N, C-alpha and C. Protein backbone atom coordinates (compact mmCIF):
# COMPACT_ATOMS: atom_id res chain seq x y z
N MET A 1 -51.55 -23.98 -20.03
CA MET A 1 -50.98 -24.70 -18.89
C MET A 1 -49.47 -24.82 -19.08
N ARG A 2 -48.72 -24.50 -18.03
CA ARG A 2 -47.28 -24.52 -18.13
C ARG A 2 -46.76 -25.96 -18.20
N SER A 3 -45.73 -26.16 -18.98
CA SER A 3 -45.14 -27.50 -19.09
C SER A 3 -44.29 -27.78 -17.86
N PRO A 4 -44.12 -29.08 -17.53
CA PRO A 4 -43.27 -29.44 -16.38
C PRO A 4 -41.86 -28.88 -16.51
N LEU A 5 -41.36 -28.80 -17.72
CA LEU A 5 -40.00 -28.28 -17.93
C LEU A 5 -39.93 -26.80 -17.56
N LEU A 6 -40.98 -26.05 -17.94
CA LEU A 6 -41.00 -24.62 -17.61
C LEU A 6 -41.12 -24.41 -16.11
N VAL A 7 -41.94 -25.22 -15.47
CA VAL A 7 -42.11 -25.13 -14.00
C VAL A 7 -40.79 -25.39 -13.30
N ARG A 8 -40.08 -26.47 -13.77
CA ARG A 8 -38.79 -26.79 -13.15
C ARG A 8 -37.79 -25.66 -13.36
N ALA A 9 -37.82 -25.04 -14.54
CA ALA A 9 -36.90 -23.95 -14.83
C ALA A 9 -37.19 -22.74 -13.93
N LEU A 10 -38.48 -22.44 -13.77
CA LEU A 10 -38.84 -21.31 -12.90
C LEU A 10 -38.47 -21.58 -11.44
N LEU A 11 -38.69 -22.82 -11.01
CA LEU A 11 -38.34 -23.21 -9.65
C LEU A 11 -36.84 -23.10 -9.43
N PHE A 12 -36.06 -23.58 -10.42
CA PHE A 12 -34.61 -23.51 -10.32
C PHE A 12 -34.14 -22.06 -10.24
N ALA A 13 -34.74 -21.20 -11.07
CA ALA A 13 -34.37 -19.79 -11.08
C ALA A 13 -34.68 -19.13 -9.75
N ALA A 14 -35.84 -19.48 -9.17
CA ALA A 14 -36.22 -18.90 -7.88
C ALA A 14 -35.26 -19.33 -6.78
N LEU A 15 -34.91 -20.63 -6.79
CA LEU A 15 -33.98 -21.15 -5.79
C LEU A 15 -32.60 -20.52 -5.94
N PHE A 16 -32.19 -20.33 -7.19
CA PHE A 16 -30.90 -19.71 -7.45
C PHE A 16 -30.87 -18.28 -6.93
N LEU A 17 -31.99 -17.54 -7.17
CA LEU A 17 -32.07 -16.16 -6.70
C LEU A 17 -32.00 -16.09 -5.17
N VAL A 18 -32.73 -17.00 -4.51
CA VAL A 18 -32.70 -17.04 -3.04
C VAL A 18 -31.29 -17.34 -2.56
N ALA A 19 -30.60 -18.29 -3.21
CA ALA A 19 -29.24 -18.64 -2.81
C ALA A 19 -28.29 -17.47 -2.97
N VAL A 20 -28.45 -16.71 -4.06
CA VAL A 20 -27.60 -15.55 -4.30
C VAL A 20 -27.83 -14.50 -3.21
N VAL A 21 -29.10 -14.23 -2.88
CA VAL A 21 -29.41 -13.23 -1.85
C VAL A 21 -28.83 -13.65 -0.51
N ILE A 22 -29.00 -14.92 -0.13
CA ILE A 22 -28.47 -15.41 1.14
C ILE A 22 -26.95 -15.32 1.15
N GLY A 23 -26.33 -15.74 0.04
CA GLY A 23 -24.88 -15.70 -0.03
C GLY A 23 -24.34 -14.29 0.08
N TYR A 24 -25.00 -13.36 -0.59
CA TYR A 24 -24.56 -11.96 -0.53
C TYR A 24 -24.69 -11.42 0.88
N THR A 25 -25.79 -11.76 1.53
CA THR A 25 -26.02 -11.29 2.90
C THR A 25 -24.95 -11.82 3.84
N LEU A 26 -24.57 -13.09 3.65
CA LEU A 26 -23.59 -13.70 4.54
C LEU A 26 -22.18 -13.20 4.27
N LEU A 27 -21.86 -12.92 3.01
CA LEU A 27 -20.48 -12.63 2.65
C LEU A 27 -20.15 -11.15 2.59
N ARG A 28 -21.15 -10.29 2.40
CA ARG A 28 -20.84 -8.86 2.27
C ARG A 28 -20.33 -8.32 3.61
N PRO A 29 -19.48 -7.29 3.59
CA PRO A 29 -19.06 -6.64 4.83
C PRO A 29 -20.27 -6.05 5.54
N SER A 30 -20.35 -6.26 6.85
CA SER A 30 -21.53 -5.82 7.58
C SER A 30 -21.51 -4.33 7.86
N GLY A 31 -20.30 -3.73 7.93
CA GLY A 31 -20.20 -2.32 8.29
C GLY A 31 -20.37 -2.08 9.78
N ARG A 32 -20.57 -3.13 10.54
CA ARG A 32 -20.75 -2.99 11.98
C ARG A 32 -19.40 -2.85 12.67
N LEU A 33 -19.38 -2.09 13.74
CA LEU A 33 -18.17 -1.96 14.54
C LEU A 33 -18.05 -3.15 15.47
N PRO A 34 -16.82 -3.54 15.83
CA PRO A 34 -16.66 -4.65 16.77
C PRO A 34 -17.21 -4.28 18.15
N VAL A 35 -17.60 -5.29 18.90
CA VAL A 35 -17.97 -5.13 20.31
C VAL A 35 -16.81 -5.70 21.12
N TYR A 36 -16.15 -4.84 21.89
CA TYR A 36 -14.92 -5.25 22.56
C TYR A 36 -15.20 -5.89 23.92
N HIS A 37 -14.54 -7.01 24.14
CA HIS A 37 -14.55 -7.73 25.41
C HIS A 37 -13.16 -7.61 26.02
N PRO A 38 -13.03 -7.61 27.35
CA PRO A 38 -11.71 -7.48 27.97
C PRO A 38 -10.66 -8.43 27.41
N SER A 39 -11.06 -9.63 27.06
CA SER A 39 -10.09 -10.62 26.56
C SER A 39 -9.50 -10.23 25.21
N GLN A 40 -10.15 -9.30 24.49
CA GLN A 40 -9.68 -8.89 23.17
C GLN A 40 -8.73 -7.69 23.23
N LEU A 41 -8.58 -7.11 24.40
CA LEU A 41 -7.81 -5.88 24.53
C LEU A 41 -6.40 -6.15 25.04
N ASP A 42 -5.54 -5.15 24.88
CA ASP A 42 -4.19 -5.21 25.45
C ASP A 42 -4.32 -5.50 26.95
N PRO A 43 -3.74 -6.59 27.45
CA PRO A 43 -3.89 -6.93 28.87
C PRO A 43 -3.45 -5.80 29.80
N ARG A 44 -2.56 -4.94 29.33
CA ARG A 44 -2.12 -3.83 30.17
C ARG A 44 -3.22 -2.81 30.41
N LEU A 45 -4.25 -2.83 29.55
CA LEU A 45 -5.39 -1.93 29.72
C LEU A 45 -6.44 -2.49 30.66
N VAL A 46 -6.39 -3.79 30.89
CA VAL A 46 -7.48 -4.47 31.60
C VAL A 46 -7.07 -4.78 33.02
N ASP A 47 -7.77 -4.20 33.97
CA ASP A 47 -7.50 -4.45 35.38
C ASP A 47 -7.69 -5.93 35.69
N ALA A 48 -6.84 -6.45 36.56
CA ALA A 48 -6.86 -7.87 36.88
C ALA A 48 -8.22 -8.33 37.39
N SER A 49 -8.97 -7.44 38.01
CA SER A 49 -10.26 -7.82 38.59
C SER A 49 -11.32 -8.17 37.55
N VAL A 50 -11.11 -7.77 36.28
CA VAL A 50 -12.12 -8.04 35.26
C VAL A 50 -11.57 -8.86 34.08
N ARG A 51 -10.35 -9.36 34.20
CA ARG A 51 -9.78 -10.12 33.09
C ARG A 51 -10.53 -11.41 32.82
N GLY A 52 -11.15 -11.97 33.83
CA GLY A 52 -11.88 -13.22 33.65
C GLY A 52 -13.37 -13.02 33.45
N GLU A 53 -13.78 -11.81 33.17
CA GLU A 53 -15.19 -11.49 33.01
C GLU A 53 -15.83 -12.33 31.90
N GLN A 54 -17.00 -12.85 32.16
CA GLN A 54 -17.72 -13.68 31.20
C GLN A 54 -18.85 -12.88 30.55
N GLY A 55 -19.17 -13.25 29.31
CA GLY A 55 -20.28 -12.58 28.61
C GLY A 55 -19.89 -11.21 28.14
N GLU A 56 -20.88 -10.44 27.66
CA GLU A 56 -20.63 -9.10 27.15
C GLU A 56 -20.20 -8.15 28.26
N HIS A 57 -19.25 -7.31 27.96
CA HIS A 57 -18.85 -6.27 28.90
C HIS A 57 -19.70 -5.03 28.70
N HIS A 58 -20.20 -4.49 29.81
CA HIS A 58 -20.96 -3.23 29.78
C HIS A 58 -20.33 -2.27 30.78
N ILE A 59 -20.38 -0.99 30.48
CA ILE A 59 -19.79 -0.02 31.41
C ILE A 59 -20.51 -0.08 32.75
N SER A 60 -19.76 0.25 33.79
CA SER A 60 -20.28 0.17 35.16
C SER A 60 -21.16 1.37 35.50
N ASP A 61 -21.99 1.18 36.50
CA ASP A 61 -22.79 2.29 37.01
C ASP A 61 -21.86 3.29 37.70
N PHE A 62 -22.28 4.52 37.80
CA PHE A 62 -21.46 5.56 38.42
C PHE A 62 -22.37 6.68 38.92
N HIS A 63 -21.81 7.51 39.77
CA HIS A 63 -22.54 8.68 40.26
C HIS A 63 -21.54 9.81 40.39
N LEU A 64 -21.57 10.75 39.43
CA LEU A 64 -20.63 11.86 39.39
C LEU A 64 -21.39 13.17 39.22
N THR A 65 -20.66 14.28 39.23
CA THR A 65 -21.27 15.61 39.14
C THR A 65 -20.65 16.37 37.97
N ASP A 66 -21.47 17.06 37.18
CA ASP A 66 -20.93 17.75 36.01
C ASP A 66 -20.67 19.23 36.30
N GLN A 67 -20.27 19.96 35.26
CA GLN A 67 -19.86 21.36 35.40
C GLN A 67 -20.99 22.27 35.83
N ALA A 68 -22.23 21.82 35.70
CA ALA A 68 -23.37 22.62 36.14
C ALA A 68 -23.84 22.24 37.55
N GLY A 69 -23.13 21.27 38.14
CA GLY A 69 -23.53 20.79 39.47
C GLY A 69 -24.60 19.73 39.42
N ASP A 70 -24.94 19.23 38.22
CA ASP A 70 -25.96 18.20 38.07
C ASP A 70 -25.37 16.80 38.27
N SER A 71 -26.14 15.93 38.86
CA SER A 71 -25.72 14.53 39.00
C SER A 71 -25.81 13.83 37.65
N VAL A 72 -24.81 12.99 37.38
CA VAL A 72 -24.78 12.20 36.16
C VAL A 72 -24.53 10.75 36.55
N THR A 73 -25.43 9.87 36.13
CA THR A 73 -25.32 8.45 36.44
C THR A 73 -25.45 7.64 35.16
N LEU A 74 -25.35 6.33 35.31
CA LEU A 74 -25.54 5.46 34.15
C LEU A 74 -26.94 5.65 33.57
N ALA A 75 -27.92 5.86 34.43
CA ALA A 75 -29.29 6.08 33.96
C ALA A 75 -29.40 7.35 33.13
N THR A 76 -28.59 8.38 33.47
CA THR A 76 -28.61 9.65 32.74
C THR A 76 -28.21 9.45 31.29
N VAL A 77 -27.23 8.56 31.06
CA VAL A 77 -26.66 8.41 29.72
C VAL A 77 -27.21 7.19 28.98
N LYS A 78 -28.13 6.49 29.59
CA LYS A 78 -28.68 5.27 28.99
C LYS A 78 -29.29 5.57 27.63
N GLY A 79 -28.99 4.73 26.65
CA GLY A 79 -29.56 4.86 25.32
C GLY A 79 -28.83 5.82 24.41
N LYS A 80 -27.74 6.44 24.90
CA LYS A 80 -26.98 7.39 24.09
C LYS A 80 -25.67 6.77 23.60
N VAL A 81 -25.18 7.29 22.50
CA VAL A 81 -23.82 6.97 22.05
C VAL A 81 -22.88 7.90 22.81
N LEU A 82 -21.87 7.32 23.48
CA LEU A 82 -20.95 8.09 24.31
C LEU A 82 -19.55 8.10 23.73
N LEU A 83 -18.88 9.24 23.83
CA LEU A 83 -17.44 9.30 23.62
C LEU A 83 -16.85 9.80 24.92
N VAL A 84 -15.91 9.03 25.46
CA VAL A 84 -15.45 9.21 26.84
C VAL A 84 -13.96 9.48 26.86
N ASP A 85 -13.52 10.40 27.74
CA ASP A 85 -12.09 10.56 27.97
C ASP A 85 -11.83 10.90 29.43
N PHE A 86 -10.53 10.97 29.78
CA PHE A 86 -10.08 11.29 31.14
C PHE A 86 -9.03 12.40 31.02
N PHE A 87 -9.20 13.47 31.79
CA PHE A 87 -8.37 14.66 31.63
C PHE A 87 -8.23 15.36 32.98
N PHE A 88 -7.51 16.49 33.02
CA PHE A 88 -7.57 17.38 34.18
C PHE A 88 -7.29 18.80 33.71
N THR A 89 -7.89 19.74 34.38
CA THR A 89 -7.91 21.12 33.87
C THR A 89 -6.55 21.79 33.92
N THR A 90 -5.64 21.33 34.79
CA THR A 90 -4.32 21.97 34.89
C THR A 90 -3.29 21.28 34.00
N CYS A 91 -3.69 20.30 33.23
CA CYS A 91 -2.79 19.60 32.32
C CYS A 91 -2.35 20.53 31.20
N GLY A 92 -1.04 20.58 30.95
CA GLY A 92 -0.54 21.44 29.90
C GLY A 92 0.02 20.68 28.71
N SER A 93 -0.14 19.35 28.71
CA SER A 93 0.44 18.54 27.63
C SER A 93 -0.64 18.02 26.69
N ILE A 94 -1.18 16.84 26.96
CA ILE A 94 -2.12 16.22 26.02
C ILE A 94 -3.56 16.72 26.19
N CYS A 95 -3.92 17.17 27.37
CA CYS A 95 -5.34 17.49 27.62
C CYS A 95 -5.87 18.63 26.74
N PRO A 96 -5.14 19.73 26.55
CA PRO A 96 -5.67 20.76 25.65
C PRO A 96 -5.91 20.24 24.23
N LYS A 97 -5.03 19.36 23.76
CA LYS A 97 -5.23 18.77 22.43
C LYS A 97 -6.49 17.90 22.42
N MET A 98 -6.68 17.12 23.48
CA MET A 98 -7.85 16.26 23.57
C MET A 98 -9.13 17.09 23.62
N SER A 99 -9.11 18.14 24.42
CA SER A 99 -10.31 18.98 24.54
C SER A 99 -10.63 19.67 23.21
N THR A 100 -9.58 20.07 22.48
CA THR A 100 -9.79 20.68 21.17
C THR A 100 -10.45 19.69 20.22
N GLN A 101 -10.05 18.43 20.30
CA GLN A 101 -10.66 17.40 19.46
C GLN A 101 -12.08 17.08 19.92
N MET A 102 -12.34 17.14 21.21
CA MET A 102 -13.70 16.95 21.70
C MET A 102 -14.63 18.05 21.16
N VAL A 103 -14.09 19.26 21.03
CA VAL A 103 -14.87 20.35 20.44
C VAL A 103 -15.30 19.97 19.03
N ARG A 104 -14.40 19.37 18.27
CA ARG A 104 -14.72 18.96 16.89
C ARG A 104 -15.85 17.93 16.89
N VAL A 105 -15.79 16.99 17.84
CA VAL A 105 -16.85 15.97 17.91
C VAL A 105 -18.17 16.63 18.30
N GLN A 106 -18.12 17.52 19.28
CA GLN A 106 -19.33 18.24 19.70
C GLN A 106 -19.94 18.99 18.52
N ASP A 107 -19.10 19.66 17.74
CA ASP A 107 -19.60 20.43 16.60
C ASP A 107 -20.24 19.52 15.55
N ALA A 108 -19.68 18.31 15.40
CA ALA A 108 -20.22 17.38 14.40
C ALA A 108 -21.61 16.88 14.77
N PHE A 109 -21.94 16.88 16.08
CA PHE A 109 -23.22 16.33 16.54
C PHE A 109 -23.97 17.34 17.42
N ARG A 110 -23.76 18.61 17.15
CA ARG A 110 -24.31 19.66 18.01
C ARG A 110 -25.82 19.61 18.14
N THR A 111 -26.50 19.17 17.11
CA THR A 111 -27.97 19.14 17.15
C THR A 111 -28.53 17.73 17.37
N ASP A 112 -27.68 16.80 17.71
CA ASP A 112 -28.11 15.40 17.84
C ASP A 112 -28.07 14.97 19.30
N ASP A 113 -29.24 14.85 19.92
CA ASP A 113 -29.28 14.52 21.34
C ASP A 113 -29.07 13.04 21.61
N ARG A 114 -28.76 12.28 20.57
CA ARG A 114 -28.43 10.86 20.77
C ARG A 114 -26.97 10.66 21.14
N VAL A 115 -26.17 11.73 21.05
CA VAL A 115 -24.72 11.65 21.29
C VAL A 115 -24.38 12.49 22.51
N LEU A 116 -23.53 11.94 23.39
CA LEU A 116 -23.11 12.66 24.59
C LEU A 116 -21.62 12.41 24.82
N LEU A 117 -20.88 13.47 25.13
CA LEU A 117 -19.46 13.38 25.44
C LEU A 117 -19.29 13.46 26.95
N LEU A 118 -18.41 12.58 27.48
CA LEU A 118 -18.15 12.55 28.92
C LEU A 118 -16.65 12.69 29.16
N SER A 119 -16.25 13.77 29.84
CA SER A 119 -14.84 13.97 30.19
C SER A 119 -14.71 13.90 31.71
N HIS A 120 -13.94 12.92 32.18
CA HIS A 120 -13.78 12.67 33.61
C HIS A 120 -12.49 13.32 34.12
N SER A 121 -12.59 14.12 35.16
CA SER A 121 -11.38 14.70 35.75
C SER A 121 -10.66 13.65 36.59
N VAL A 122 -9.34 13.53 36.36
CA VAL A 122 -8.54 12.58 37.17
C VAL A 122 -7.90 13.29 38.35
N THR A 123 -8.19 14.60 38.52
CA THR A 123 -7.79 15.33 39.72
C THR A 123 -9.04 16.01 40.30
N PRO A 124 -10.01 15.19 40.72
CA PRO A 124 -11.29 15.76 41.17
C PRO A 124 -11.14 16.61 42.43
N GLU A 125 -10.07 16.38 43.20
CA GLU A 125 -9.85 17.19 44.39
C GLU A 125 -9.50 18.63 44.02
N ILE A 126 -9.03 18.84 42.79
CA ILE A 126 -8.72 20.18 42.29
C ILE A 126 -9.84 20.70 41.40
N ASP A 127 -10.40 19.81 40.60
CA ASP A 127 -11.40 20.20 39.61
C ASP A 127 -12.82 20.17 40.19
N SER A 128 -13.15 21.24 40.88
CA SER A 128 -14.51 21.41 41.42
C SER A 128 -15.47 21.71 40.29
N THR A 129 -16.76 21.74 40.59
CA THR A 129 -17.74 22.08 39.56
C THR A 129 -17.47 23.48 39.00
N ALA A 130 -17.06 24.41 39.86
CA ALA A 130 -16.78 25.77 39.40
C ALA A 130 -15.57 25.78 38.45
N THR A 131 -14.55 24.99 38.79
CA THR A 131 -13.37 24.90 37.93
C THR A 131 -13.73 24.28 36.59
N LEU A 132 -14.54 23.22 36.64
CA LEU A 132 -14.97 22.56 35.40
C LEU A 132 -15.85 23.49 34.56
N LYS A 133 -16.67 24.30 35.22
CA LYS A 133 -17.52 25.24 34.48
C LYS A 133 -16.67 26.25 33.72
N ALA A 134 -15.62 26.76 34.38
CA ALA A 134 -14.73 27.72 33.72
C ALA A 134 -14.01 27.06 32.54
N TYR A 135 -13.58 25.81 32.72
CA TYR A 135 -12.91 25.09 31.64
C TYR A 135 -13.87 24.82 30.49
N ALA A 136 -15.10 24.46 30.84
CA ALA A 136 -16.12 24.22 29.83
C ALA A 136 -16.38 25.49 29.01
N GLU A 137 -16.44 26.62 29.67
CA GLU A 137 -16.65 27.89 28.97
C GLU A 137 -15.47 28.21 28.06
N GLN A 138 -14.26 27.88 28.51
CA GLN A 138 -13.06 28.12 27.71
C GLN A 138 -13.13 27.37 26.37
N TYR A 139 -13.69 26.15 26.40
CA TYR A 139 -13.76 25.32 25.19
C TYR A 139 -15.14 25.34 24.52
N GLY A 140 -16.03 26.13 25.05
CA GLY A 140 -17.35 26.21 24.43
C GLY A 140 -18.16 24.93 24.57
N ALA A 141 -17.97 24.25 25.69
CA ALA A 141 -18.69 22.99 25.91
C ALA A 141 -20.17 23.26 26.15
N ASP A 142 -21.01 22.63 25.35
CA ASP A 142 -22.46 22.72 25.49
C ASP A 142 -22.89 21.68 26.52
N HIS A 143 -23.48 22.14 27.61
CA HIS A 143 -23.86 21.23 28.70
C HIS A 143 -24.76 20.10 28.22
N ALA A 144 -25.56 20.34 27.21
CA ALA A 144 -26.46 19.31 26.69
C ALA A 144 -25.71 18.24 25.90
N ARG A 145 -24.50 18.56 25.46
CA ARG A 145 -23.76 17.64 24.60
C ARG A 145 -22.47 17.12 25.22
N TRP A 146 -21.92 17.89 26.19
CA TRP A 146 -20.59 17.55 26.72
C TRP A 146 -20.57 17.80 28.22
N ARG A 147 -20.49 16.72 28.98
CA ARG A 147 -20.46 16.81 30.44
C ARG A 147 -19.03 16.60 30.94
N LEU A 148 -18.54 17.54 31.72
CA LEU A 148 -17.24 17.43 32.37
C LEU A 148 -17.51 17.00 33.81
N LEU A 149 -16.91 15.88 34.22
CA LEU A 149 -17.34 15.20 35.44
C LEU A 149 -16.28 15.22 36.54
N THR A 150 -16.74 15.40 37.75
CA THR A 150 -15.91 15.30 38.93
C THR A 150 -16.64 14.46 39.97
N GLY A 151 -15.92 14.08 41.02
CA GLY A 151 -16.55 13.25 42.06
C GLY A 151 -15.50 12.45 42.81
N ASP A 152 -15.90 11.30 43.29
CA ASP A 152 -15.00 10.46 44.07
C ASP A 152 -13.83 9.97 43.22
N ARG A 153 -12.61 10.22 43.69
CA ARG A 153 -11.41 9.88 42.93
C ARG A 153 -11.31 8.38 42.64
N LYS A 154 -11.54 7.57 43.66
CA LYS A 154 -11.42 6.11 43.47
C LYS A 154 -12.44 5.61 42.46
N GLN A 155 -13.63 6.19 42.48
CA GLN A 155 -14.66 5.78 41.52
C GLN A 155 -14.22 6.11 40.09
N ILE A 156 -13.69 7.31 39.89
CA ILE A 156 -13.25 7.72 38.55
C ILE A 156 -12.12 6.84 38.06
N TYR A 157 -11.18 6.53 38.93
CA TYR A 157 -10.04 5.69 38.52
C TYR A 157 -10.49 4.26 38.24
N ALA A 158 -11.45 3.79 39.01
CA ALA A 158 -12.00 2.45 38.74
C ALA A 158 -12.72 2.43 37.39
N LEU A 159 -13.43 3.50 37.06
CA LEU A 159 -14.10 3.57 35.76
C LEU A 159 -13.07 3.51 34.63
N ALA A 160 -11.96 4.23 34.78
CA ALA A 160 -10.92 4.24 33.75
C ALA A 160 -10.35 2.85 33.52
N ARG A 161 -10.21 2.07 34.60
CA ARG A 161 -9.48 0.80 34.50
C ARG A 161 -10.36 -0.44 34.40
N THR A 162 -11.55 -0.41 34.95
CA THR A 162 -12.38 -1.62 34.95
C THR A 162 -13.66 -1.48 34.14
N SER A 163 -13.96 -0.26 33.68
CA SER A 163 -15.18 -0.03 32.91
C SER A 163 -14.86 0.32 31.47
N TYR A 164 -14.00 1.36 31.27
CA TYR A 164 -13.69 1.84 29.92
C TYR A 164 -12.35 1.31 29.39
N PHE A 165 -11.50 0.77 30.26
CA PHE A 165 -10.18 0.28 29.86
C PHE A 165 -9.42 1.35 29.07
N ALA A 166 -9.36 2.54 29.66
CA ALA A 166 -8.77 3.69 28.98
C ALA A 166 -7.32 3.94 29.36
N ALA A 167 -6.84 3.32 30.45
CA ALA A 167 -5.52 3.67 30.96
C ALA A 167 -4.61 2.46 31.05
N LEU A 168 -3.35 2.62 30.64
CA LEU A 168 -2.38 1.54 30.70
C LEU A 168 -1.83 1.34 32.11
N ASP A 169 -1.78 2.43 32.89
CA ASP A 169 -1.17 2.32 34.20
C ASP A 169 -2.14 1.70 35.21
N HIS A 170 -1.59 1.22 36.33
CA HIS A 170 -2.40 0.52 37.32
C HIS A 170 -2.18 1.15 38.69
N GLY A 171 -3.20 1.08 39.54
CA GLY A 171 -3.09 1.65 40.87
C GLY A 171 -4.40 1.49 41.61
N ASP A 172 -4.47 2.13 42.77
CA ASP A 172 -5.63 1.95 43.65
C ASP A 172 -6.52 3.19 43.72
N GLY A 173 -6.19 4.23 42.94
CA GLY A 173 -6.98 5.45 42.99
C GLY A 173 -6.66 6.33 44.18
N GLY A 174 -5.59 5.97 44.92
CA GLY A 174 -5.20 6.75 46.09
C GLY A 174 -4.42 8.00 45.72
N PRO A 175 -3.94 8.72 46.74
CA PRO A 175 -3.25 10.00 46.50
C PRO A 175 -2.01 9.89 45.62
N GLN A 176 -1.32 8.74 45.66
CA GLN A 176 -0.11 8.57 44.87
C GLN A 176 -0.39 8.00 43.48
N ASP A 177 -1.61 7.67 43.21
CA ASP A 177 -1.99 7.08 41.93
C ASP A 177 -2.32 8.20 40.94
N PHE A 178 -2.10 7.93 39.65
CA PHE A 178 -2.42 8.96 38.65
C PHE A 178 -2.70 8.32 37.30
N VAL A 179 -3.82 8.69 36.72
CA VAL A 179 -4.19 8.25 35.37
C VAL A 179 -3.90 9.41 34.41
N HIS A 180 -3.17 9.11 33.34
CA HIS A 180 -2.86 10.12 32.33
C HIS A 180 -2.91 9.41 30.99
N THR A 181 -4.00 9.58 30.24
CA THR A 181 -4.20 8.83 29.01
C THR A 181 -4.82 9.70 27.94
N GLU A 182 -4.40 9.47 26.69
CA GLU A 182 -4.97 10.19 25.56
C GLU A 182 -6.14 9.46 24.93
N ASN A 183 -6.52 8.31 25.47
CA ASN A 183 -7.55 7.48 24.84
C ASN A 183 -8.93 8.11 24.89
N PHE A 184 -9.62 8.08 23.74
CA PHE A 184 -11.05 8.31 23.67
C PHE A 184 -11.69 6.93 23.52
N VAL A 185 -12.80 6.71 24.21
CA VAL A 185 -13.48 5.41 24.16
C VAL A 185 -14.92 5.62 23.68
N LEU A 186 -15.30 4.83 22.69
CA LEU A 186 -16.65 4.91 22.11
C LEU A 186 -17.53 3.83 22.73
N VAL A 187 -18.72 4.24 23.19
CA VAL A 187 -19.64 3.34 23.88
C VAL A 187 -20.99 3.41 23.17
N ASP A 188 -21.60 2.26 22.93
CA ASP A 188 -22.89 2.24 22.23
C ASP A 188 -24.05 2.40 23.20
N PRO A 189 -25.28 2.55 22.70
CA PRO A 189 -26.43 2.78 23.59
C PRO A 189 -26.69 1.64 24.57
N GLN A 190 -26.13 0.46 24.33
CA GLN A 190 -26.28 -0.66 25.25
C GLN A 190 -25.17 -0.68 26.31
N GLY A 191 -24.26 0.30 26.25
CA GLY A 191 -23.18 0.36 27.23
C GLY A 191 -22.00 -0.53 26.89
N ARG A 192 -21.87 -0.91 25.62
CA ARG A 192 -20.77 -1.78 25.20
C ARG A 192 -19.66 -0.94 24.56
N LEU A 193 -18.43 -1.40 24.67
CA LEU A 193 -17.28 -0.69 24.11
C LEU A 193 -17.17 -1.00 22.62
N ARG A 194 -17.09 0.06 21.79
CA ARG A 194 -17.10 -0.15 20.34
C ARG A 194 -15.90 0.48 19.61
N GLY A 195 -15.06 1.25 20.31
CA GLY A 195 -13.91 1.84 19.64
C GLY A 195 -12.98 2.55 20.60
N PHE A 196 -11.69 2.58 20.21
CA PHE A 196 -10.65 3.27 20.98
C PHE A 196 -9.85 4.15 20.02
N TYR A 197 -9.53 5.39 20.44
CA TYR A 197 -8.90 6.35 19.55
C TYR A 197 -7.89 7.19 20.33
N ASP A 198 -6.86 7.66 19.65
CA ASP A 198 -5.92 8.61 20.22
C ASP A 198 -6.58 9.99 20.13
N GLY A 199 -6.95 10.53 21.26
CA GLY A 199 -7.67 11.80 21.29
C GLY A 199 -6.83 13.01 20.96
N THR A 200 -5.53 12.82 20.76
CA THR A 200 -4.69 13.94 20.32
C THR A 200 -4.51 13.95 18.81
N SER A 201 -5.03 12.95 18.12
CA SER A 201 -4.86 12.80 16.68
C SER A 201 -6.12 13.19 15.93
N ALA A 202 -6.05 14.21 15.09
CA ALA A 202 -7.21 14.64 14.31
C ALA A 202 -7.69 13.51 13.40
N LYS A 203 -6.75 12.76 12.85
CA LYS A 203 -7.13 11.67 11.95
C LYS A 203 -7.92 10.60 12.68
N GLN A 204 -7.46 10.23 13.88
CA GLN A 204 -8.19 9.22 14.64
C GLN A 204 -9.53 9.74 15.14
N VAL A 205 -9.61 11.01 15.45
CA VAL A 205 -10.89 11.58 15.87
C VAL A 205 -11.84 11.67 14.69
N ASP A 206 -11.31 11.90 13.48
CA ASP A 206 -12.15 11.82 12.28
C ASP A 206 -12.79 10.43 12.21
N GLN A 207 -11.99 9.39 12.51
CA GLN A 207 -12.53 8.03 12.50
C GLN A 207 -13.57 7.85 13.58
N ALA A 208 -13.32 8.44 14.75
CA ALA A 208 -14.31 8.36 15.84
C ALA A 208 -15.64 8.99 15.41
N ILE A 209 -15.57 10.12 14.74
CA ILE A 209 -16.79 10.79 14.25
C ILE A 209 -17.53 9.88 13.26
N ALA A 210 -16.77 9.27 12.36
CA ALA A 210 -17.38 8.35 11.39
C ALA A 210 -18.00 7.15 12.10
N ASP A 211 -17.32 6.64 13.12
CA ASP A 211 -17.83 5.48 13.85
C ASP A 211 -19.07 5.83 14.67
N ILE A 212 -19.13 7.04 15.19
CA ILE A 212 -20.34 7.48 15.89
C ILE A 212 -21.52 7.45 14.93
N ARG A 213 -21.31 7.94 13.72
CA ARG A 213 -22.39 7.91 12.72
C ARG A 213 -22.81 6.47 12.42
N THR A 214 -21.84 5.57 12.36
CA THR A 214 -22.17 4.15 12.14
C THR A 214 -23.03 3.62 13.28
N LEU A 215 -22.69 3.99 14.52
CA LEU A 215 -23.49 3.53 15.66
C LEU A 215 -24.89 4.14 15.65
N LEU A 216 -25.00 5.38 15.21
CA LEU A 216 -26.32 5.99 15.14
C LEU A 216 -27.19 5.28 14.10
N ASP A 217 -26.60 4.90 12.97
CA ASP A 217 -27.33 4.12 11.97
C ASP A 217 -27.74 2.77 12.54
N GLU A 218 -26.83 2.16 13.28
CA GLU A 218 -27.12 0.86 13.91
C GLU A 218 -28.21 0.99 14.95
N ARG A 219 -28.16 2.09 15.70
CA ARG A 219 -29.17 2.34 16.74
C ARG A 219 -30.56 2.46 16.14
N ASP A 220 -30.64 3.10 14.96
CA ASP A 220 -31.94 3.32 14.33
C ASP A 220 -32.45 2.10 13.59
């Protein structure tokens, strides 16, 4: 029969072990990426219409068309990790660099159907599905992994400013308005914003690739 002293010692040791485990769990770095809310971002990125948004921010619903002529909506991308950008096919400055970096991301997840890249044309009146298809072929875009999107101009500009917070400039999406941004935006399977990167920087895109892997681990 165990003595009271031994019982107390064993009990103390068990409690100490539990305390250590709890403390380690609370204090260790979680490795989780932040979930971004409009109030945490540069106010210049956040359209006035959503600055007072309450609760978690989720990307807005949309209805656009990809390079194959297929409809793409929020339901299409639900449950996937997204990397999003805004470009136009006649851009000769930052867009080729961004598309080259998107190729690197596509290659990193070529066999993983949990990841989808979305590139929105900011000149949809020029970038028809046929034009996007030719551009996609130029960069080797796999339709299953990388959708190049066109559609209603005002909708695309609203997505840039009130959904993804990708653009510093402000406007109404009309003929005189123009979005030109190098930002890549990372979105988790719940539609929450989890990262922002300079899409012309290989180093930052390396971080985006690492962060996508973190989200995939979190998803599983």
